[in-house]
Amino acid sequence: MQWGDPKEQLSREAYRAIVTVADAPRLYEAAAPSAMQQRRAGVTFEYQGATAMTVVSPLTRRTYCFSHPGARLEVDPRDTAWLTFTRNLVRTGA
């Protein structure tokens, strides 16, 4: 192969993509540890219904059991968007 051969160029780009994908979590954590910590931190929701309620997230498959009105649970941050639109659940500041 000659330098600049399209096949060689493609293999170099493919290698670069593999290395980039494999190193991404480590590089991201090194660059922004506070962002990783925020992502792992839970979000709190309060149940404002009349009885108890159990919710199963379609994304993470986690089960959240709100045992009584006013019950608060810390939920997986990945479930935040979905739970925000669940009836009788309100995201709290804490």
N, C-alpha and C. Protein backbone atom coordinates (compact mmCIF):
# COMPACT_ATOMS: atom_id res chain seq x y z
N MET A 1 0.82 -1.18 0.00
CA MET A 1 0.00 0.00 0.00
C MET A 1 0.86 1.24 0.00
N GLN A 2 0.40 2.21 -0.71
CA GLN A 2 1.09 3.49 -0.72
C GLN A 2 0.48 4.39 0.36
N TRP A 3 1.30 5.34 0.78
CA TRP A 3 0.79 6.31 1.74
C TRP A 3 -0.36 7.08 1.09
N GLY A 4 -1.44 7.19 1.80
CA GLY A 4 -2.59 7.90 1.24
C GLY A 4 -3.56 6.98 0.51
N ASP A 5 -3.24 5.67 0.49
CA ASP A 5 -4.14 4.70 -0.12
C ASP A 5 -5.48 4.75 0.62
N PRO A 6 -6.63 4.79 -0.08
CA PRO A 6 -7.94 4.88 0.58
C PRO A 6 -8.20 3.76 1.59
N LYS A 7 -7.74 2.54 1.31
CA LYS A 7 -7.94 1.44 2.25
C LYS A 7 -7.17 1.68 3.55
N GLU A 8 -5.93 2.16 3.43
CA GLU A 8 -5.13 2.44 4.61
C GLU A 8 -5.75 3.59 5.41
N GLN A 9 -6.22 4.60 4.71
CA GLN A 9 -6.83 5.74 5.37
C GLN A 9 -8.07 5.30 6.14
N LEU A 10 -8.87 4.45 5.54
CA LEU A 10 -10.08 3.96 6.19
C LEU A 10 -9.73 3.17 7.45
N SER A 11 -8.71 2.33 7.37
CA SER A 11 -8.35 1.54 8.55
C SER A 11 -7.83 2.44 9.66
N ARG A 12 -7.12 3.50 9.35
CA ARG A 12 -6.65 4.43 10.37
C ARG A 12 -7.83 5.15 11.03
N GLU A 13 -8.81 5.55 10.23
CA GLU A 13 -9.98 6.23 10.76
C GLU A 13 -10.82 5.29 11.63
N ALA A 14 -10.93 4.04 11.21
CA ALA A 14 -11.67 3.06 12.00
C ALA A 14 -10.98 2.82 13.34
N TYR A 15 -9.66 2.73 13.33
CA TYR A 15 -8.91 2.54 14.57
C TYR A 15 -9.11 3.73 15.50
N ARG A 16 -9.03 4.94 14.93
CA ARG A 16 -9.22 6.14 15.72
C ARG A 16 -10.61 6.15 16.37
N ALA A 17 -11.63 5.74 15.62
CA ALA A 17 -13.00 5.70 16.15
C ALA A 17 -13.12 4.70 17.29
N ILE A 18 -12.49 3.55 17.14
CA ILE A 18 -12.55 2.53 18.19
C ILE A 18 -11.86 3.03 19.45
N VAL A 19 -10.70 3.61 19.30
CA VAL A 19 -9.96 4.12 20.45
C VAL A 19 -10.76 5.24 21.11
N THR A 20 -11.35 6.11 20.32
CA THR A 20 -12.13 7.22 20.86
C THR A 20 -13.32 6.72 21.66
N VAL A 21 -14.06 5.75 21.13
CA VAL A 21 -15.22 5.21 21.82
C VAL A 21 -14.81 4.49 23.09
N ALA A 22 -13.74 3.72 23.03
CA ALA A 22 -13.30 2.97 24.20
C ALA A 22 -12.81 3.89 25.31
N ASP A 23 -12.19 4.99 24.97
CA ASP A 23 -11.63 5.90 25.96
C ASP A 23 -12.62 6.95 26.45
N ALA A 24 -13.77 7.07 25.82
CA ALA A 24 -14.70 8.15 26.12
C ALA A 24 -15.10 8.23 27.59
N PRO A 25 -15.54 7.14 28.25
CA PRO A 25 -15.93 7.28 29.65
C PRO A 25 -14.79 7.74 30.55
N ARG A 26 -13.62 7.18 30.33
CA ARG A 26 -12.46 7.56 31.16
C ARG A 26 -12.09 9.01 30.92
N LEU A 27 -12.07 9.44 29.66
CA LEU A 27 -11.71 10.81 29.33
C LEU A 27 -12.76 11.78 29.85
N TYR A 28 -14.03 11.43 29.75
CA TYR A 28 -15.10 12.29 30.22
C TYR A 28 -15.00 12.48 31.73
N GLU A 29 -14.77 11.40 32.46
CA GLU A 29 -14.68 11.48 33.91
C GLU A 29 -13.47 12.31 34.33
N ALA A 30 -12.38 12.18 33.63
CA ALA A 30 -11.19 12.95 33.96
C ALA A 30 -11.39 14.43 33.67
N ALA A 31 -12.12 14.73 32.61
CA ALA A 31 -12.33 16.12 32.22
C ALA A 31 -13.36 16.82 33.09
N ALA A 32 -14.40 16.09 33.51
CA ALA A 32 -15.48 16.73 34.25
C ALA A 32 -16.00 15.82 35.36
N PRO A 33 -15.25 15.63 36.42
CA PRO A 33 -15.74 14.74 37.47
C PRO A 33 -17.03 15.22 38.11
N SER A 34 -17.22 16.52 38.21
CA SER A 34 -18.45 17.02 38.82
C SER A 34 -19.66 16.67 37.96
N ALA A 35 -19.51 16.66 36.66
CA ALA A 35 -20.62 16.28 35.78
C ALA A 35 -20.96 14.81 35.96
N MET A 36 -19.95 13.96 36.13
CA MET A 36 -20.21 12.54 36.36
C MET A 36 -20.91 12.35 37.70
N GLN A 37 -20.48 13.08 38.71
CA GLN A 37 -21.11 12.96 40.01
C GLN A 37 -22.56 13.41 39.96
N GLN A 38 -22.85 14.49 39.22
CA GLN A 38 -24.22 14.95 39.08
C GLN A 38 -25.07 13.92 38.37
N ARG A 39 -24.52 13.29 37.35
CA ARG A 39 -25.27 12.30 36.60
C ARG A 39 -25.63 11.11 37.48
N ARG A 40 -24.74 10.75 38.40
CA ARG A 40 -24.97 9.61 39.28
C ARG A 40 -25.87 9.97 40.46
N ALA A 41 -25.96 11.26 40.80
CA ALA A 41 -26.79 11.68 41.93
C ALA A 41 -28.26 11.50 41.59
N GLY A 42 -29.04 11.15 42.57
CA GLY A 42 -30.46 10.94 42.36
C GLY A 42 -31.24 12.23 42.34
N VAL A 43 -32.46 12.14 41.88
CA VAL A 43 -33.40 13.25 41.84
C VAL A 43 -34.58 12.82 42.70
N THR A 44 -35.12 13.73 43.50
CA THR A 44 -36.19 13.38 44.42
C THR A 44 -37.55 13.77 43.85
N PHE A 45 -38.51 12.84 43.98
CA PHE A 45 -39.89 13.08 43.58
C PHE A 45 -40.80 12.86 44.78
N GLU A 46 -41.86 13.65 44.86
CA GLU A 46 -42.85 13.51 45.92
C GLU A 46 -44.18 13.08 45.31
N TYR A 47 -44.80 12.12 45.96
CA TYR A 47 -46.11 11.62 45.52
C TYR A 47 -47.21 12.46 46.15
N GLN A 48 -48.13 12.98 45.34
CA GLN A 48 -49.20 13.84 45.83
C GLN A 48 -50.57 13.26 45.54
N GLY A 49 -50.66 11.94 45.47
CA GLY A 49 -51.94 11.27 45.25
C GLY A 49 -52.67 11.00 46.55
N ALA A 50 -53.75 10.23 46.46
CA ALA A 50 -54.60 9.96 47.62
C ALA A 50 -54.24 8.69 48.37
N THR A 51 -53.68 7.72 47.70
CA THR A 51 -53.36 6.44 48.34
C THR A 51 -51.88 6.14 48.13
N ALA A 52 -51.54 4.93 47.74
CA ALA A 52 -50.15 4.56 47.41
C ALA A 52 -50.05 4.39 45.90
N MET A 53 -48.82 4.39 45.39
CA MET A 53 -48.63 4.21 43.95
C MET A 53 -47.28 3.56 43.70
N THR A 54 -47.28 2.62 42.77
CA THR A 54 -46.04 1.99 42.33
C THR A 54 -45.86 2.31 40.85
N VAL A 55 -44.65 2.72 40.51
CA VAL A 55 -44.32 3.10 39.14
C VAL A 55 -43.13 2.27 38.70
N VAL A 56 -43.20 1.69 37.50
CA VAL A 56 -42.08 0.96 36.92
C VAL A 56 -41.59 1.73 35.71
N SER A 57 -40.33 2.09 35.74
CA SER A 57 -39.75 2.86 34.64
C SER A 57 -39.56 1.99 33.40
N PRO A 58 -40.03 2.44 32.24
CA PRO A 58 -39.80 1.68 31.02
C PRO A 58 -38.34 1.77 30.55
N LEU A 59 -37.63 2.77 31.04
CA LEU A 59 -36.24 2.96 30.61
C LEU A 59 -35.27 2.10 31.41
N THR A 60 -35.30 2.23 32.73
CA THR A 60 -34.34 1.51 33.58
C THR A 60 -34.92 0.24 34.20
N ARG A 61 -36.23 0.07 34.11
CA ARG A 61 -36.95 -1.07 34.68
C ARG A 61 -36.93 -1.05 36.21
N ARG A 62 -36.61 0.10 36.80
CA ARG A 62 -36.63 0.23 38.25
C ARG A 62 -38.07 0.41 38.72
N THR A 63 -38.36 -0.11 39.90
CA THR A 63 -39.68 0.02 40.50
C THR A 63 -39.61 1.04 41.63
N TYR A 64 -40.49 2.03 41.58
CA TYR A 64 -40.57 3.06 42.61
C TYR A 64 -41.90 2.90 43.33
N CYS A 65 -41.84 2.62 44.64
CA CYS A 65 -43.05 2.42 45.45
C CYS A 65 -43.25 3.62 46.37
N PHE A 66 -44.24 4.42 46.07
CA PHE A 66 -44.62 5.54 46.92
C PHE A 66 -45.70 5.01 47.85
N SER A 67 -45.38 4.78 49.12
CA SER A 67 -46.25 4.06 50.04
C SER A 67 -47.42 4.88 50.60
N HIS A 68 -47.31 6.20 50.53
CA HIS A 68 -48.38 7.05 51.08
C HIS A 68 -48.30 8.44 50.46
N PRO A 69 -49.39 9.23 50.59
CA PRO A 69 -49.34 10.61 50.10
C PRO A 69 -48.22 11.37 50.79
N GLY A 70 -47.45 12.11 50.03
CA GLY A 70 -46.33 12.87 50.56
C GLY A 70 -45.02 12.09 50.59
N ALA A 71 -45.05 10.82 50.21
CA ALA A 71 -43.82 10.01 50.21
C ALA A 71 -42.83 10.59 49.19
N ARG A 72 -41.58 10.59 49.59
CA ARG A 72 -40.51 11.08 48.69
C ARG A 72 -39.53 9.95 48.43
N LEU A 73 -39.12 9.86 47.17
CA LEU A 73 -38.13 8.86 46.78
C LEU A 73 -37.07 9.50 45.90
N GLU A 74 -35.85 9.03 46.07
CA GLU A 74 -34.77 9.43 45.17
C GLU A 74 -34.81 8.47 43.99
N VAL A 75 -34.83 9.01 42.78
CA VAL A 75 -34.95 8.18 41.59
C VAL A 75 -33.69 8.31 40.73
N ASP A 76 -33.51 7.34 39.86
CA ASP A 76 -32.39 7.35 38.92
C ASP A 76 -32.54 8.57 38.01
N PRO A 77 -31.48 9.35 37.82
CA PRO A 77 -31.56 10.54 36.97
C PRO A 77 -32.05 10.24 35.55
N ARG A 78 -31.81 9.02 35.06
CA ARG A 78 -32.26 8.68 33.71
C ARG A 78 -33.78 8.60 33.64
N ASP A 79 -34.45 8.41 34.77
CA ASP A 79 -35.90 8.32 34.81
C ASP A 79 -36.58 9.67 35.03
N THR A 80 -35.81 10.71 35.25
CA THR A 80 -36.36 12.02 35.59
C THR A 80 -37.35 12.53 34.55
N ALA A 81 -36.99 12.52 33.29
CA ALA A 81 -37.89 13.06 32.26
C ALA A 81 -39.21 12.31 32.22
N TRP A 82 -39.14 11.00 32.33
CA TRP A 82 -40.35 10.19 32.27
C TRP A 82 -41.23 10.40 33.50
N LEU A 83 -40.64 10.43 34.69
CA LEU A 83 -41.41 10.61 35.91
C LEU A 83 -41.98 12.02 36.05
N THR A 84 -41.34 12.99 35.41
CA THR A 84 -41.85 14.35 35.45
C THR A 84 -43.27 14.42 34.88
N PHE A 85 -43.57 13.57 33.91
CA PHE A 85 -44.88 13.59 33.28
C PHE A 85 -45.82 12.51 33.82
N THR A 86 -45.45 11.90 34.95
CA THR A 86 -46.31 10.91 35.60
C THR A 86 -47.25 11.63 36.54
N ARG A 87 -48.52 11.31 36.43
CA ARG A 87 -49.54 11.97 37.24
C ARG A 87 -49.26 11.79 38.73
N ASN A 88 -49.49 12.85 39.50
CA ASN A 88 -49.34 12.89 40.96
C ASN A 88 -47.90 12.84 41.46
N LEU A 89 -46.93 12.94 40.59
CA LEU A 89 -45.53 13.02 41.03
C LEU A 89 -44.99 14.42 40.74
N VAL A 90 -44.30 14.98 41.75
CA VAL A 90 -43.73 16.31 41.60
C VAL A 90 -42.27 16.25 41.98
N ARG A 91 -41.43 16.81 41.13
CA ARG A 91 -40.00 16.86 41.42
C ARG A 91 -39.76 17.89 42.51
N THR A 92 -39.00 17.53 43.53
CA THR A 92 -38.73 18.45 44.62
C THR A 92 -37.32 19.02 44.50
N GLY A 93 -37.06 20.07 45.23
CA GLY A 93 -35.77 20.72 45.18
C GLY A 93 -34.68 19.95 45.90
N ALA A 94 -35.05 19.08 46.80
CA ALA A 94 -34.04 18.35 47.58
C ALA A 94 -33.94 16.92 47.16
